[in-house]
Amino acid sequence: MLVVNRFRVPEDESEQFRVEVEAAHAVLAARSGYVGGTIGRNVDEPTLWVLTTRWEHVGAYRRALSSYDVKMGAVRLLSRAVDEASAYEVVEPGTDLNVARARSLG
């Protein structure tokens, strides 16, 4: 599964935000079921940032969010994300949608 968290960050806070988002990403990356992730900054709107993470399945992501380390090291930052849906199933070309199967994992 794919998680996309977008953030609006005032220009004068960008350096501190980068430190915080990198730390949050590191905490998430240490959790079981983490597959990969990236941090990005929009090239046209530099106040728009993104943190993407990939997980084996939705259960791994939800367990990561409930862990003590993530609650202490990432949830505060994640609460600053733009209020929108952030969890996506990865749809492989030519395959059936797997929402029902993914929800049953974990």
PDB file of N, CA and C in Angstrom:
ATOM      1  N   MET A   1       0.830  -1.170   0.000  1.00  0.00           N
ATOM      2  CA  MET A   1       0.000   0.000   0.000  1.00  0.00           C
ATOM      3  C   MET A   1       0.875   1.234   0.000  1.00  0.00           C
ATOM      4  N   LEU A   2       0.290   2.333  -0.422  1.00  0.00           N
ATOM      5  CA  LEU A   2       1.001   3.599  -0.570  1.00  0.00           C
ATOM      6  C   LEU A   2       0.320   4.647   0.309  1.00  0.00           C
ATOM      7  N   VAL A   3       1.111   5.415   1.039  1.00  0.00           N
ATOM      8  CA  VAL A   3       0.583   6.501   1.872  1.00  0.00           C
ATOM      9  C   VAL A   3       1.201   7.807   1.388  1.00  0.00           C
ATOM     10  N   VAL A   4       0.339   8.784   1.123  1.00  0.00           N
ATOM     11  CA  VAL A   4       0.774  10.087   0.626  1.00  0.00           C
ATOM     12  C   VAL A   4       0.305  11.157   1.613  1.00  0.00           C
ATOM     13  N   ASN A   5       1.237  11.783   2.290  1.00  0.00           N
ATOM     14  CA  ASN A   5       0.923  12.883   3.206  1.00  0.00           C
ATOM     15  C   ASN A   5       1.489  14.164   2.626  1.00  0.00           C
ATOM     16  N   ARG A   6       0.607  15.148   2.387  1.00  0.00           N
ATOM     17  CA  ARG A   6       1.043  16.438   1.857  1.00  0.00           C
ATOM     18  C   ARG A   6       0.987  17.474   2.966  1.00  0.00           C
ATOM     19  N   PHE A   7       1.906  18.422   2.915  1.00  0.00           N
ATOM     20  CA  PHE A   7       2.029  19.441   3.951  1.00  0.00           C
ATOM     21  C   PHE A   7       2.166  20.817   3.314  1.00  0.00           C
ATOM     22  N   ARG A   8       1.500  21.810   3.895  1.00  0.00           N
ATOM     23  CA  ARG A   8       1.711  23.216   3.534  1.00  0.00           C
ATOM     24  C   ARG A   8       2.626  23.792   4.604  1.00  0.00           C
ATOM     25  N   VAL A   9       3.791  24.251   4.174  1.00  0.00           N
ATOM     26  CA  VAL A   9       4.809  24.717   5.109  1.00  0.00           C
ATOM     27  C   VAL A   9       5.238  26.119   4.693  1.00  0.00           C
ATOM     28  N   PRO A  10       5.043  27.116   5.571  1.00  0.00           N
ATOM     29  CA  PRO A  10       5.505  28.468   5.240  1.00  0.00           C
ATOM     30  C   PRO A  10       7.003  28.451   4.904  1.00  0.00           C
ATOM     31  N   GLU A  11       7.376  29.265   3.952  1.00  0.00           N
ATOM     32  CA  GLU A  11       8.766  29.302   3.468  1.00  0.00           C
ATOM     33  C   GLU A  11       9.772  29.457   4.604  1.00  0.00           C
ATOM     34  N   ASP A  12       9.458  30.296   5.582  1.00  0.00           N
ATOM     35  CA  ASP A  12      10.417  30.538   6.670  1.00  0.00           C
ATOM     36  C   ASP A  12      10.522  29.364   7.646  1.00  0.00           C
ATOM     37  N   GLU A  13       9.673  28.348   7.492  1.00  0.00           N
ATOM     38  CA  GLU A  13       9.731  27.160   8.351  1.00  0.00           C
ATOM     39  C   GLU A  13      10.306  25.949   7.615  1.00  0.00           C
ATOM     40  N   SER A  14      10.712  26.126   6.370  1.00  0.00           N
ATOM     41  CA  SER A  14      11.088  24.980   5.542  1.00  0.00           C
ATOM     42  C   SER A  14      12.306  24.223   6.077  1.00  0.00           C
ATOM     43  N   GLU A  15      13.301  24.917   6.576  1.00  0.00           N
ATOM     44  CA  GLU A  15      14.489  24.220   7.084  1.00  0.00           C
ATOM     45  C   GLU A  15      14.159  23.358   8.295  1.00  0.00           C
ATOM     46  N   GLN A  16      13.392  23.909   9.233  1.00  0.00           N
ATOM     47  CA  GLN A  16      13.000  23.140  10.413  1.00  0.00           C
ATOM     48  C   GLN A  16      12.074  21.997  10.025  1.00  0.00           C
ATOM     49  N   PHE A  17      11.158  22.250   9.096  1.00  0.00           N
ATOM     50  CA  PHE A  17      10.248  21.191   8.657  1.00  0.00           C
ATOM     51  C   PHE A  17      11.042  20.039   8.044  1.00  0.00           C
ATOM     52  N   ARG A  18      12.050  20.360   7.254  1.00  0.00           N
ATOM     53  CA  ARG A  18      12.844  19.294   6.638  1.00  0.00           C
ATOM     54  C   ARG A  18      13.476  18.400   7.695  1.00  0.00           C
ATOM     55  N   VAL A  19      14.002  18.994   8.732  1.00  0.00           N
ATOM     56  CA  VAL A  19      14.586  18.208   9.822  1.00  0.00           C
ATOM     57  C   VAL A  19      13.519  17.301  10.439  1.00  0.00           C
ATOM     58  N   GLU A  20      12.339  17.860  10.689  1.00  0.00           N
ATOM     59  CA  GLU A  20      11.263  17.102  11.330  1.00  0.00           C
ATOM     60  C   GLU A  20      10.717  15.998  10.429  1.00  0.00           C
ATOM     61  N   VAL A  21      10.535  16.281   9.144  1.00  0.00           N
ATOM     62  CA  VAL A  21       9.985  15.267   8.250  1.00  0.00           C
ATOM     63  C   VAL A  21      10.995  14.143   8.021  1.00  0.00           C
ATOM     64  N   GLU A  22      12.275  14.473   7.975  1.00  0.00           N
ATOM     65  CA  GLU A  22      13.296  13.430   7.849  1.00  0.00           C
ATOM     66  C   GLU A  22      13.318  12.539   9.087  1.00  0.00           C
ATOM     67  N   ALA A  23      13.170  13.123  10.259  1.00  0.00           N
ATOM     68  CA  ALA A  23      13.135  12.337  11.495  1.00  0.00           C
ATOM     69  C   ALA A  23      11.894  11.448  11.536  1.00  0.00           C
ATOM     70  N   ALA A  24      10.744  11.994  11.150  1.00  0.00           N
ATOM     71  CA  ALA A  24       9.507  11.208  11.127  1.00  0.00           C
ATOM     72  C   ALA A  24       9.628  10.058  10.135  1.00  0.00           C
ATOM     73  N   HIS A  25      10.200  10.336   8.982  1.00  0.00           N
ATOM     74  CA  HIS A  25      10.382   9.285   7.976  1.00  0.00           C
ATOM     75  C   HIS A  25      11.278   8.175   8.516  1.00  0.00           C
ATOM     76  N   ALA A  26      12.337   8.532   9.211  1.00  0.00           N
ATOM     77  CA  ALA A  26      13.245   7.531   9.780  1.00  0.00           C
ATOM     78  C   ALA A  26      12.535   6.643  10.791  1.00  0.00           C
ATOM     79  N   VAL A  27      11.681   7.226  11.613  1.00  0.00           N
ATOM     80  CA  VAL A  27      10.932   6.450  12.606  1.00  0.00           C
ATOM     81  C   VAL A  27       9.985   5.482  11.905  1.00  0.00           C
ATOM     82  N   LEU A  28       9.294   5.954  10.886  1.00  0.00           N
ATOM     83  CA  LEU A  28       8.392   5.085  10.128  1.00  0.00           C
ATOM     84  C   LEU A  28       9.172   3.970   9.427  1.00  0.00           C
ATOM     85  N   ALA A  29      10.317   4.320   8.851  1.00  0.00           N
ATOM     86  CA  ALA A  29      11.115   3.348   8.105  1.00  0.00           C
ATOM     87  C   ALA A  29      11.639   2.216   8.984  1.00  0.00           C
ATOM     88  N   ALA A  30      11.729   2.441  10.266  1.00  0.00           N
ATOM     89  CA  ALA A  30      12.220   1.418  11.185  1.00  0.00           C
ATOM     90  C   ALA A  30      11.157   0.389  11.553  1.00  0.00           C
ATOM     91  N   ARG A  31       9.921   0.618  11.157  1.00  0.00           N
ATOM     92  CA  ARG A  31       8.825  -0.274  11.539  1.00  0.00           C
ATOM     93  C   ARG A  31       8.721  -1.478  10.611  1.00  0.00           C
ATOM     94  N   SER A  32       8.264  -2.568  11.174  1.00  0.00           N
ATOM     95  CA  SER A  32       8.039  -3.784  10.400  1.00  0.00           C
ATOM     96  C   SER A  32       6.980  -3.532   9.326  1.00  0.00           C
ATOM     97  N   GLY A  33       7.222  -4.028   8.140  1.00  0.00           N
ATOM     98  CA  GLY A  33       6.277  -3.861   7.042  1.00  0.00           C
ATOM     99  C   GLY A  33       6.540  -2.660   6.159  1.00  0.00           C
ATOM    100  N   TYR A  34       7.487  -1.803   6.559  1.00  0.00           N
ATOM    101  CA  TYR A  34       7.858  -0.651   5.729  1.00  0.00           C
ATOM    102  C   TYR A  34       8.622  -1.162   4.513  1.00  0.00           C
ATOM    103  N   VAL A  35       8.267  -0.660   3.338  1.00  0.00           N
ATOM    104  CA  VAL A  35       8.910  -1.087   2.097  1.00  0.00           C
ATOM    105  C   VAL A  35       9.812   0.006   1.528  1.00  0.00           C
ATOM    106  N   GLY A  36       9.392   1.264   1.627  1.00  0.00           N
ATOM    107  CA  GLY A  36      10.190   2.364   1.093  1.00  0.00           C
ATOM    108  C   GLY A  36       9.450   3.673   1.242  1.00  0.00           C
ATOM    109  N   GLY A  37      10.129   4.757   0.924  1.00  0.00           N
ATOM    110  CA  GLY A  37       9.475   6.051   1.025  1.00  0.00           C
ATOM    111  C   GLY A  37      10.355   7.171   0.535  1.00  0.00           C
ATOM    112  N   THR A  38       9.740   8.334   0.346  1.00  0.00           N
ATOM    113  CA  THR A  38      10.465   9.503  -0.123  1.00  0.00           C
ATOM    114  C   THR A  38       9.890  10.768   0.494  1.00  0.00           C
ATOM    115  N   ILE A  39      10.712  11.799   0.493  1.00  0.00           N
ATOM    116  CA  ILE A  39      10.304  13.141   0.897  1.00  0.00           C
ATOM    117  C   ILE A  39      10.484  14.020  -0.326  1.00  0.00           C
ATOM    118  N   GLY A  40       9.511  14.882  -0.589  1.00  0.00           N
ATOM    119  CA  GLY A  40       9.628  15.756  -1.744  1.00  0.00           C
ATOM    120  C   GLY A  40       9.104  17.151  -1.461  1.00  0.00           C
ATOM    121  N   ARG A  41       9.533  18.073  -2.292  1.00  0.00           N
ATOM    122  CA  ARG A  41       9.088  19.465  -2.221  1.00  0.00           C
ATOM    123  C   ARG A  41       8.643  19.854  -3.622  1.00  0.00           C
ATOM    124  N   ASN A  42       7.480  20.454  -3.745  1.00  0.00           N
ATOM    125  CA  ASN A  42       6.916  20.797  -5.041  1.00  0.00           C
ATOM    126  C   ASN A  42       7.799  21.821  -5.750  1.00  0.00           C
ATOM    127  N   VAL A  43       8.056  21.591  -7.033  1.00  0.00           N
ATOM    128  CA  VAL A  43       8.946  22.480  -7.777  1.00  0.00           C
ATOM    129  C   VAL A  43       8.278  23.806  -8.141  1.00  0.00           C
ATOM    130  N   ASP A  44       6.951  23.823  -8.235  1.00  0.00           N
ATOM    131  CA  ASP A  44       6.242  25.054  -8.579  1.00  0.00           C
ATOM    132  C   ASP A  44       5.704  25.793  -7.358  1.00  0.00           C
ATOM    133  N   GLU A  45       5.405  25.058  -6.310  1.00  0.00           N
ATOM    134  CA  GLU A  45       4.915  25.634  -5.052  1.00  0.00           C
ATOM    135  C   GLU A  45       5.812  25.142  -3.921  1.00  0.00           C
ATOM    136  N   PRO A  46       6.900  25.827  -3.621  1.00  0.00           N
ATOM    137  CA  PRO A  46       7.857  25.325  -2.632  1.00  0.00           C
ATOM    138  C   PRO A  46       7.310  25.235  -1.206  1.00  0.00           C
ATOM    139  N   THR A  47       6.118  25.734  -0.959  1.00  0.00           N
ATOM    140  CA  THR A  47       5.522  25.567   0.369  1.00  0.00           C
ATOM    141  C   THR A  47       4.745  24.248   0.473  1.00  0.00           C
ATOM    142  N   LEU A  48       4.672  23.483  -0.609  1.00  0.00           N
ATOM    143  CA  LEU A  48       3.973  22.204  -0.617  1.00  0.00           C
ATOM    144  C   LEU A  48       5.004  21.075  -0.586  1.00  0.00           C
ATOM    145  N   TRP A  49       4.934  20.273   0.467  1.00  0.00           N
ATOM    146  CA  TRP A  49       5.839  19.143   0.673  1.00  0.00           C
ATOM    147  C   TRP A  49       5.034  17.852   0.651  1.00  0.00           C
ATOM    148  N   VAL A  50       5.729  16.738   0.445  1.00  0.00           N
ATOM    149  CA  VAL A  50       5.075  15.436   0.464  1.00  0.00           C
ATOM    150  C   VAL A  50       5.989  14.412   1.137  1.00  0.00           C
ATOM    151  N   LEU A  51       5.368  13.549   1.902  1.00  0.00           N
ATOM    152  CA  LEU A  51       6.033  12.377   2.464  1.00  0.00           C
ATOM    153  C   LEU A  51       5.260  11.174   1.949  1.00  0.00           C
ATOM    154  N   THR A  52       5.919  10.315   1.189  1.00  0.00           N
ATOM    155  CA  THR A  52       5.270   9.094   0.731  1.00  0.00           C
ATOM    156  C   THR A  52       5.956   7.910   1.387  1.00  0.00           C
ATOM    157  N   THR A  53       5.164   6.933   1.777  1.00  0.00           N
ATOM    158  CA  THR A  53       5.701   5.690   2.314  1.00  0.00           C
ATOM    159  C   THR A  53       4.962   4.530   1.665  1.00  0.00           C
ATOM    160  N   ARG A  54       5.658   3.408   1.532  1.00  0.00           N
ATOM    161  CA  ARG A  54       5.057   2.192   1.000  1.00  0.00           C
ATOM    162  C   ARG A  54       5.157   1.111   2.065  1.00  0.00           C
ATOM    163  N   TRP A  55       4.087   0.317   2.150  1.00  0.00           N
ATOM    164  CA  TRP A  55       3.962  -0.703   3.185  1.00  0.00           C
ATOM    165  C   TRP A  55       3.555  -2.024   2.563  1.00  0.00           C
ATOM    166  N   GLU A  56       3.898  -3.122   3.230  1.00  0.00           N
ATOM    167  CA  GLU A  56       3.522  -4.447   2.729  1.00  0.00           C
ATOM    168  C   GLU A  56       2.006  -4.570   2.587  1.00  0.00           C
ATOM    169  N   HIS A  57       1.265  -4.026   3.556  1.00  0.00           N
ATOM    170  CA  HIS A  57      -0.191  -4.057   3.532  1.00  0.00           C
ATOM    171  C   HIS A  57      -0.719  -3.072   4.563  1.00  0.00           C
ATOM    172  N   VAL A  58      -2.003  -2.835   4.534  1.00  0.00           N
ATOM    173  CA  VAL A  58      -2.612  -1.823   5.400  1.00  0.00           C
ATOM    174  C   VAL A  58      -2.413  -2.155   6.877  1.00  0.00           C
ATOM    175  N   GLY A  59      -2.412  -3.430   7.214  1.00  0.00           N
ATOM    176  CA  GLY A  59      -2.204  -3.820   8.615  1.00  0.00           C
ATOM    177  C   GLY A  59      -0.847  -3.382   9.136  1.00  0.00           C
ATOM    178  N   ALA A  60       0.178  -3.509   8.301  1.00  0.00           N
ATOM    179  CA  ALA A  60       1.524  -3.082   8.710  1.00  0.00           C
ATOM    180  C   ALA A  60       1.553  -1.580   8.954  1.00  0.00           C
ATOM    181  N   TYR A  61       0.900  -0.839   8.086  1.00  0.00           N
ATOM    182  CA  TYR A  61       0.850   0.618   8.250  1.00  0.00           C
ATOM    183  C   TYR A  61       0.115   0.995   9.527  1.00  0.00           C
ATOM    184  N   ARG A  62      -1.022   0.392   9.758  1.00  0.00           N
ATOM    185  CA  ARG A  62      -1.800   0.719  10.965  1.00  0.00           C
ATOM    186  C   ARG A  62      -1.062   0.327  12.232  1.00  0.00           C
ATOM    187  N   ARG A  63      -0.378  -0.808  12.208  1.00  0.00           N
ATOM    188  CA  ARG A  63       0.420  -1.192  13.387  1.00  0.00           C
ATOM    189  C   ARG A  63       1.559  -0.199  13.608  1.00  0.00           C
ATOM    190  N   ALA A  64       2.163   0.260  12.525  1.00  0.00           N
ATOM    191  CA  ALA A  64       3.245   1.240  12.656  1.00  0.00           C
ATOM    192  C   ALA A  64       2.728   2.508  13.324  1.00  0.00           C
ATOM    193  N   LEU A  65       1.566   2.991  12.888  1.00  0.00           N
ATOM    194  CA  LEU A  65       1.008   4.210  13.472  1.00  0.00           C
ATOM    195  C   LEU A  65       0.683   4.058  14.951  1.00  0.00           C
ATOM    196  N   SER A  66       0.361   2.857  15.373  1.00  0.00           N
ATOM    197  CA  SER A  66      -0.005   2.658  16.775  1.00  0.00           C
ATOM    198  C   SER A  66       1.197   2.359  17.664  1.00  0.00           C
ATOM    199  N   SER A  67       2.388   2.227  17.083  1.00  0.00           N
ATOM    200  CA  SER A  67       3.566   1.932  17.896  1.00  0.00           C
ATOM    201  C   SER A  67       3.986   3.160  18.708  1.00  0.00           C
ATOM    202  N   TYR A  68       4.585   2.907  19.833  1.00  0.00           N
ATOM    203  CA  TYR A  68       5.035   3.983  20.716  1.00  0.00           C
ATOM    204  C   TYR A  68       6.028   4.899  20.012  1.00  0.00           C
ATOM    205  N   ASP A  69       7.008   4.303  19.317  1.00  0.00           N
ATOM    206  CA  ASP A  69       8.041   5.106  18.645  1.00  0.00           C
ATOM    207  C   ASP A  69       7.439   6.062  17.620  1.00  0.00           C
ATOM    208  N   VAL A  70       6.483   5.585  16.845  1.00  0.00           N
ATOM    209  CA  VAL A  70       5.855   6.437  15.830  1.00  0.00           C
ATOM    210  C   VAL A  70       4.972   7.492  16.494  1.00  0.00           C
ATOM    211  N   LYS A  71       4.256   7.108  17.532  1.00  0.00           N
ATOM    212  CA  LYS A  71       3.446   8.108  18.244  1.00  0.00           C
ATOM    213  C   LYS A  71       4.319   9.236  18.776  1.00  0.00           C
ATOM    214  N   MET A  72       5.498   8.901  19.273  1.00  0.00           N
ATOM    215  CA  MET A  72       6.387   9.914  19.837  1.00  0.00           C
ATOM    216  C   MET A  72       7.196  10.659  18.766  1.00  0.00           C
ATOM    217  N   GLY A  73       7.538   9.982  17.658  1.00  0.00           N
ATOM    218  CA  GLY A  73       8.454  10.572  16.700  1.00  0.00           C
ATOM    219  C   GLY A  73       7.883  10.999  15.361  1.00  0.00           C
ATOM    220  N   ALA A  74       6.600  10.673  15.094  1.00  0.00           N
ATOM    221  CA  ALA A  74       6.070  11.009  13.774  1.00  0.00           C
ATOM    222  C   ALA A  74       4.638  11.538  13.787  1.00  0.00           C
ATOM    223  N   VAL A  75       3.836  11.124  14.741  1.00  0.00           N
ATOM    224  CA  VAL A  75       2.414  11.494  14.715  1.00  0.00           C
ATOM    225  C   VAL A  75       2.221  13.003  14.805  1.00  0.00           C
ATOM    226  N   ARG A  76       3.026  13.682  15.596  1.00  0.00           N
ATOM    227  CA  ARG A  76       2.903  15.144  15.685  1.00  0.00           C
ATOM    228  C   ARG A  76       3.078  15.789  14.314  1.00  0.00           C
ATOM    229  N   LEU A  77       4.092  15.353  13.588  1.00  0.00           N
ATOM    230  CA  LEU A  77       4.310  15.886  12.249  1.00  0.00           C
ATOM    231  C   LEU A  77       3.180  15.465  11.307  1.00  0.00           C
ATOM    232  N   LEU A  78       2.773  14.204  11.344  1.00  0.00           N
ATOM    233  CA  LEU A  78       1.711  13.729  10.460  1.00  0.00           C
ATOM    234  C   LEU A  78       0.399  14.460  10.702  1.00  0.00           C
ATOM    235  N   SER A  79       0.181  14.932  11.922  1.00  0.00           N
ATOM    236  CA  SER A  79      -1.052  15.674  12.211  1.00  0.00           C
ATOM    237  C   SER A  79      -1.080  17.024  11.503  1.00  0.00           C
ATOM    238  N   ARG A  80       0.061  17.480  10.999  1.00  0.00           N
ATOM    239  CA  ARG A  80       0.132  18.742  10.246  1.00  0.00           C
ATOM    240  C   ARG A  80      -0.210  18.559   8.768  1.00  0.00           C
ATOM    241  N   ALA A  81      -0.421  17.319   8.342  1.00  0.00           N
ATOM    242  CA  ALA A  81      -0.671  17.046   6.925  1.00  0.00           C
ATOM    243  C   ALA A  81      -1.990  17.670   6.484  1.00  0.00           C
ATOM    244  N   VAL A  82      -2.068  17.970   5.193  1.00  0.00           N
ATOM    245  CA  VAL A  82      -3.310  18.449   4.587  1.00  0.00           C
ATOM    246  C   VAL A  82      -4.390  17.416   4.885  1.00  0.00           C
ATOM    247  N   ASP A  83      -5.566  17.870   5.301  1.00  0.00           N
ATOM    248  CA  ASP A  83      -6.657  16.977   5.681  1.00  0.00           C
ATOM    249  C   ASP A  83      -7.304  16.384   4.427  1.00  0.00           C
ATOM    250  N   GLU A  84      -6.813  15.215   4.034  1.00  0.00           N
ATOM    251  CA  GLU A  84      -7.335  14.510   2.869  1.00  0.00           C
ATOM    252  C   GLU A  84      -6.990  13.037   3.016  1.00  0.00           C
ATOM    253  N   ALA A  85      -7.666  12.210   2.244  1.00  0.00           N
ATOM    254  CA  ALA A  85      -7.363  10.783   2.265  1.00  0.00           C
ATOM    255  C   ALA A  85      -5.893  10.569   1.907  1.00  0.00           C
ATOM    256  N   SER A  86      -5.224   9.659   2.611  1.00  0.00           N
ATOM    257  CA  SER A  86      -3.788   9.506   2.384  1.00  0.00           C
ATOM    258  C   SER A  86      -3.352   8.078   2.074  1.00  0.00           C
ATOM    259  N   ALA A  87      -4.187   7.089   2.327  1.00  0.00           N
ATOM    260  CA  ALA A  87      -3.803   5.690   2.122  1.00  0.00           C
ATOM    261  C   ALA A  87      -4.410   5.163   0.820  1.00  0.00           C
ATOM    262  N   TYR A  88      -3.561   4.547   0.002  1.00  0.00           N
ATOM    263  CA  TYR A  88      -3.971   4.060  -1.318  1.00  0.00           C
ATOM    264  C   TYR A  88      -3.520   2.620  -1.506  1.00  0.00           C
ATOM    265  N   GLU A  89      -4.356   1.841  -2.181  1.00  0.00           N
ATOM    266  CA  GLU A  89      -3.871   0.537  -2.614  1.00  0.00           C
ATOM    267  C   GLU A  89      -3.066   0.748  -3.891  1.00  0.00           C
ATOM    268  N   VAL A  90      -2.069  -0.049  -4.074  1.00  0.00           N
ATOM    269  CA  VAL A  90      -1.281   0.006  -5.298  1.00  0.00           C
ATOM    270  C   VAL A  90      -1.994  -0.866  -6.321  1.00  0.00           C
ATOM    271  N   VAL A  91      -2.321  -0.291  -7.456  1.00  0.00           N
ATOM    272  CA  VAL A  91      -3.042  -1.006  -8.504  1.00  0.00           C
ATOM    273  C   VAL A  91      -2.049  -1.373  -9.597  1.00  0.00           C
ATOM    274  N   GLU A  92      -1.815  -2.646  -9.743  1.00  0.00           N
ATOM    275  CA  GLU A  92      -0.895  -3.137 -10.768  1.00  0.00           C
ATOM    276  C   GLU A  92      -1.645  -3.246 -12.089  1.00  0.00           C
ATOM    277  N   PRO A  93      -1.045  -2.817 -13.182  1.00  0.00           N
ATOM    278  CA  PRO A  93      -1.707  -2.927 -14.482  1.00  0.00           C
ATOM    279  C   PRO A  93      -2.131  -4.359 -14.775  1.00  0.00           C
ATOM    280  N   GLY A  94      -3.360  -4.501 -15.247  1.00  0.00           N
ATOM    281  CA  GLY A  94      -3.855  -5.811 -15.643  1.00  0.00           C
ATOM    282  C   GLY A  94      -4.339  -6.696 -14.513  1.00  0.00           C
ATOM    283  N   THR A  95      -4.374  -6.171 -13.274  1.00  0.00           N
ATOM    284  CA  THR A  95      -4.843  -6.986 -12.156  1.00  0.00           C
ATOM    285  C   THR A  95      -6.155  -6.433 -11.626  1.00  0.00           C
ATOM    286  N   ASP A  96      -6.889  -7.286 -10.902  1.00  0.00           N
ATOM    287  CA  ASP A  96      -8.125  -6.846 -10.262  1.00  0.00           C
ATOM    288  C   ASP A  96      -7.797  -5.925  -9.097  1.00  0.00           C
ATOM    289  N   LEU A  97      -8.734  -5.049  -8.783  1.00  0.00           N
ATOM    290  CA  LEU A  97      -8.572  -4.240  -7.579  1.00  0.00           C
ATOM    291  C   LEU A  97      -8.574  -5.170  -6.378  1.00  0.00           C
ATOM    292  N   ASN A  98      -7.777  -4.847  -5.386  1.00  0.00           N
ATOM    293  CA  ASN A  98      -7.615  -5.757  -4.255  1.00  0.00           C
ATOM    294  C   ASN A  98      -7.970  -5.121  -2.917  1.00  0.00           C
ATOM    295  N   VAL A  99      -8.868  -4.157  -2.908  1.00  0.00           N
ATOM    296  CA  VAL A  99      -9.220  -3.479  -1.658  1.00  0.00           C
ATOM    297  C   VAL A  99      -9.715  -4.479  -0.624  1.00  0.00           C
ATOM    298  N   ALA A 100     -10.612  -5.372  -0.999  1.00  0.00           N
ATOM    299  CA  ALA A 100     -11.160  -6.323  -0.032  1.00  0.00           C
ATOM    300  C   ALA A 100     -10.070  -7.218   0.526  1.00  0.00           C
ATOM    301  N   ARG A 101      -9.170  -7.705  -0.313  1.00  0.00           N
ATOM    302  CA  ARG A 101      -8.085  -8.568   0.149  1.00  0.00           C
ATOM    303  C   ARG A 101      -7.135  -7.778   1.044  1.00  0.00           C
ATOM    304  N   ALA A 102      -6.790  -6.566   0.661  1.00  0.00           N
ATOM    305  CA  ALA A 102      -5.849  -5.765   1.447  1.00  0.00           C
ATOM    306  C   ALA A 102      -6.418  -5.436   2.812  1.00  0.00           C
ATOM    307  N   ARG A 103      -7.701  -5.145   2.890  1.00  0.00           N
ATOM    308  CA  ARG A 103      -8.312  -4.828   4.182  1.00  0.00           C
ATOM    309  C   ARG A 103      -8.314  -6.019   5.120  1.00  0.00           C
ATOM    310  N   SER A 104      -8.308  -7.217   4.569  1.00  0.00           N
ATOM    311  CA  SER A 104      -8.367  -8.393   5.414  1.00  0.00           C
ATOM    312  C   SER A 104      -7.002  -8.779   5.959  1.00  0.00           C
ATOM    313  N   LEU A 105      -5.937  -8.222   5.418  1.00  0.00           N
ATOM    314  CA  LEU A 105      -4.601  -8.526   5.913  1.00  0.00           C
ATOM    315  C   LEU A 105      -4.328  -7.795   7.215  1.00  0.00           C
ATOM    316  N   GLY A 106      -3.505  -8.372   8.031  1.00  0.00           N
ATOM    317  CA  GLY A 106      -3.073  -7.666   9.218  1.00  0.00           C
ATOM    318  C   GLY A 106      -3.911  -7.962  10.370  1.00  0.00           C
TER     319      GLY A 106
END
